[in-house]
Protein backbone atom coordinates (compact mmCIF):
# COMPACT_ATOMS: atom_id res chain seq x y z
CA MET A 1 -16.51 73.29 45.38
CA LYS A 2 -14.70 72.67 48.59
CA PHE A 3 -15.51 68.74 48.00
CA LYS A 4 -14.12 68.90 44.33
CA THR A 5 -10.88 70.59 45.42
CA ALA A 6 -10.43 67.99 48.37
CA LEU A 7 -11.20 65.02 45.81
CA ILE A 8 -8.51 66.51 43.31
CA ALA A 9 -5.87 67.10 45.97
CA ALA A 10 -6.37 63.40 47.25
CA ALA A 11 -6.22 62.02 43.63
CA LEU A 12 -3.19 63.94 43.40
CA SER A 13 -1.63 62.66 46.50
CA THR A 14 -2.76 59.00 45.65
CA ALA A 15 -0.94 59.42 42.23
CA VAL A 16 2.29 60.83 43.69
CA THR A 17 2.44 58.10 46.40
CA ALA A 18 1.79 55.54 43.77
CA THR A 19 4.57 56.89 41.41
CA ALA A 20 6.92 56.94 44.24
CA ALA A 21 6.32 53.36 45.49
CA VAL A 22 6.93 52.25 41.97
CA ALA A 23 10.01 54.41 41.19
CA ALA A 24 11.60 53.64 44.70
CA PRO A 25 15.26 52.42 44.80
CA GLU A 26 15.52 48.97 45.64
CA LYS A 27 18.39 47.51 47.85
CA TYR A 28 21.10 45.33 46.33
CA VAL A 29 24.09 43.92 48.14
CA LEU A 30 27.32 43.19 46.63
CA ASP A 31 28.48 39.71 45.66
CA ALA A 32 31.79 39.69 47.45
CA SER A 33 33.05 36.68 45.18
CA HIS A 34 32.87 38.97 42.17
CA SER A 35 33.46 42.38 43.29
CA GLN A 36 37.08 43.88 43.10
CA VAL A 37 38.99 47.17 43.30
CA VAL A 38 42.38 46.92 41.35
CA PHE A 39 44.63 49.82 41.73
CA SER A 40 48.07 50.67 39.93
CA TYR A 41 50.76 53.09 39.84
CA ASP A 42 54.11 53.73 37.98
CA HIS A 43 56.88 52.44 39.88
CA LEU A 44 60.21 54.83 38.98
CA GLY A 45 59.06 54.60 35.42
CA TYR A 46 60.25 51.15 35.03
CA SER A 47 57.00 49.18 35.65
CA THR A 48 53.32 49.51 36.42
CA THR A 49 52.83 47.98 39.89
CA TYR A 50 49.17 46.51 40.87
CA GLY A 51 47.23 45.68 43.83
CA MET A 52 43.78 44.91 44.72
CA PHE A 53 40.85 44.68 47.32
CA SER A 54 38.28 41.72 47.03
CA GLY A 55 35.68 40.06 49.01
CA PHE A 56 34.45 43.53 50.64
CA ALA A 57 31.01 44.57 51.64
CA GLY A 58 28.64 47.04 50.46
CA GLU A 59 25.21 47.93 49.17
CA ILE A 60 23.33 49.99 46.37
CA MET A 61 20.04 51.21 46.44
CA PHE A 62 19.41 50.91 42.65
CA ASP A 63 16.59 52.80 40.91
CA GLN A 64 16.62 51.42 37.39
CA GLU A 65 13.77 53.92 36.38
CA ASP A 66 15.58 56.93 37.64
CA PRO A 67 19.47 56.17 38.04
CA ALA A 68 20.18 59.63 39.62
CA ASN A 69 18.02 58.43 42.59
CA SER A 70 20.26 55.61 43.57
CA SER A 71 23.19 55.41 46.08
CA VAL A 72 26.06 53.39 46.77
CA SER A 73 28.03 52.61 50.03
CA VAL A 74 31.09 50.38 50.10
CA SER A 75 33.61 49.69 52.73
CA MET A 76 36.62 47.22 53.22
CA PRO A 77 39.50 46.92 55.92
CA GLU A 78 42.75 48.41 54.84
CA SER A 79 44.53 45.43 55.78
CA SER A 80 42.56 43.07 53.40
CA MET A 81 44.84 44.65 50.56
CA LEU A 82 46.55 42.26 48.21
CA THR A 83 49.63 42.76 46.48
CA GLY A 84 50.94 39.58 45.38
CA TRP A 85 54.32 39.98 47.30
CA GLU A 86 54.17 39.89 51.04
CA ALA A 87 57.10 42.13 51.77
CA ARG A 88 55.30 44.92 49.74
CA LEU A 89 52.18 44.22 51.53
CA GLY A 90 54.17 44.66 54.69
CA HIS A 91 55.69 47.82 53.69
CA PHE A 92 52.23 49.27 52.69
CA MET A 93 50.75 48.47 56.27
CA SER A 94 53.89 50.09 57.85
CA PRO A 95 54.25 53.72 59.01
CA ASP A 96 55.80 54.73 55.63
CA PHE A 97 52.14 54.32 54.36
CA PHE A 98 49.00 53.20 56.15
CA GLY A 99 50.47 51.90 59.49
CA SER A 100 47.14 49.87 59.49
CA SER A 101 45.46 48.06 62.34
CA ASP A 102 42.82 45.46 61.77
CA ASP A 103 39.77 48.04 62.31
CA ASP A 104 41.12 50.60 59.88
CA ILE A 105 38.54 50.96 57.14
CA ILE A 106 38.69 52.43 53.60
CA SER A 107 34.93 53.43 52.52
CA PHE A 108 33.31 55.28 49.78
CA THR A 109 29.69 56.57 50.35
CA SER A 110 27.92 58.23 47.16
CA THR A 111 26.48 61.91 47.74
CA GLY A 112 25.21 62.24 44.23
CA ILE A 113 24.91 60.74 40.78
CA GLU A 114 25.07 62.61 37.63
CA VAL A 115 23.58 60.17 34.28
CA THR A 116 25.67 60.91 31.72
CA GLY A 117 24.34 58.38 29.03
CA GLU A 118 21.95 55.53 28.62
CA ASP A 119 24.14 53.27 30.68
CA THR A 120 26.77 55.34 32.13
CA ALA A 121 27.01 58.03 35.15
CA LEU A 122 29.33 60.00 37.35
CA ILE A 123 29.10 59.09 40.77
CA THR A 124 30.32 61.77 43.42
CA GLY A 125 30.99 60.46 46.95
CA ASP A 126 33.08 60.67 50.03
CA PHE A 127 36.06 58.32 49.89
CA THR A 128 37.95 57.70 53.03
CA ALA A 129 41.40 55.99 53.39
CA ASN A 130 44.14 56.05 56.04
CA GLY A 131 41.77 58.22 58.18
CA VAL A 132 41.28 60.98 55.60
CA THR A 133 38.01 61.71 53.86
CA LYS A 134 37.99 63.57 50.50
CA GLN A 135 35.45 64.00 47.40
CA VAL A 136 35.90 61.87 44.58
CA VAL A 137 34.28 61.09 41.27
CA LEU A 138 33.83 57.59 39.88
CA ASP A 139 33.36 57.39 36.29
CA ALA A 140 30.72 54.55 36.15
CA LYS A 141 29.21 52.17 33.80
CA LEU A 142 26.08 49.64 34.19
CA ASN A 143 27.47 46.45 32.30
CA LYS A 144 23.98 44.39 32.78
CA THR A 145 20.91 43.88 34.83
CA GLY A 146 18.71 40.80 34.73
CA THR A 147 17.95 37.38 36.37
CA HIS A 148 21.22 35.61 37.52
CA PRO A 149 20.97 32.23 35.68
CA GLN A 150 22.12 30.33 38.78
CA ALA A 151 20.73 32.24 41.73
CA GLN A 152 17.52 32.91 40.07
CA LYS A 153 17.29 36.53 41.15
CA PRO A 154 17.82 39.78 40.05
CA TRP A 155 21.48 40.98 39.36
CA ALA A 156 23.38 43.89 38.27
CA GLY A 157 27.12 44.55 37.46
CA PHE A 158 29.03 47.75 37.28
CA ASP A 159 32.32 49.21 36.39
CA ALA A 160 33.99 52.36 37.47
CA THR A 161 37.21 54.07 37.26
CA THR A 162 38.94 56.98 39.01
CA THR A 163 42.26 58.62 39.80
CA LEU A 164 43.52 59.38 43.13
CA LEU A 165 46.47 61.17 44.67
CA ARG A 166 48.20 59.07 47.31
CA SER A 167 49.29 62.53 48.98
CA ASP A 168 45.76 63.49 49.34
CA TYR A 169 45.50 60.65 51.99
CA ASN A 170 49.00 61.16 53.74
CA LEU A 171 50.27 58.11 51.67
CA GLY A 172 52.65 60.21 49.41
CA ALA A 173 56.02 58.41 50.42
CA PHE A 174 58.46 58.34 47.83
CA ALA A 175 56.65 60.83 45.57
CA PRO A 176 57.17 61.90 42.46
CA PHE A 177 59.51 58.99 42.08
CA VAL A 178 56.76 56.32 42.88
CA SER A 179 53.79 57.99 41.20
CA ASP A 180 51.66 60.02 43.42
CA GLU A 181 48.49 59.29 40.99
CA VAL A 182 46.93 55.91 41.50
CA GLN A 183 44.62 54.62 38.84
CA VAL A 184 41.75 52.89 40.34
CA MET A 185 39.38 50.14 38.52
CA ILE A 186 36.39 48.91 40.04
CA SER A 187 34.16 45.84 38.75
CA ILE A 188 31.34 44.83 40.89
CA GLU A 189 28.32 42.46 40.88
CA ALA A 190 25.39 43.24 43.24
CA MET A 191 22.06 40.93 44.04
CA LYS A 192 18.48 42.27 45.14
CA ALA A 193 18.63 42.01 48.89
CA ASP A 194 16.30 39.48 50.37
């Protein structure tokens, strides 16, 4: 009887281990040339002003079978912001806003994923900007997975959106005339790591 019980326990242990090995998340790294974060805000009611970050680093531990078991981590220097107008960028990097040095980092690290549909999820995580960390939720969509036709390796693409309040990160200068709310649109591609 003890032998039979031990045999069943060993079989279950092997099955669980085999299942975990099959379902383990796989590491993907961002394709910096096709990953952007675009932000926009209302300027005095007259216009919508845009800026972006591109060329940043990050990784996704991607579990296609169980997306809730995935995770994402992304970071970029604050000074890598693009605004399309040098004077605006200078103002954003001034003490009125970021007061950035080259080593100040904006980052997002997921803490949980709630699958909401066949290709959608809410990704909760810690967002850090201007030295302040707060929890945010990204409304994310898996665009496509497959073999990249040129790179000939597994590839994945995602879009996500969220809304941030500048004042949460000590960046609230000129609010509410310049909107405190910042709309954020994210589009990234990631390749399976070698």
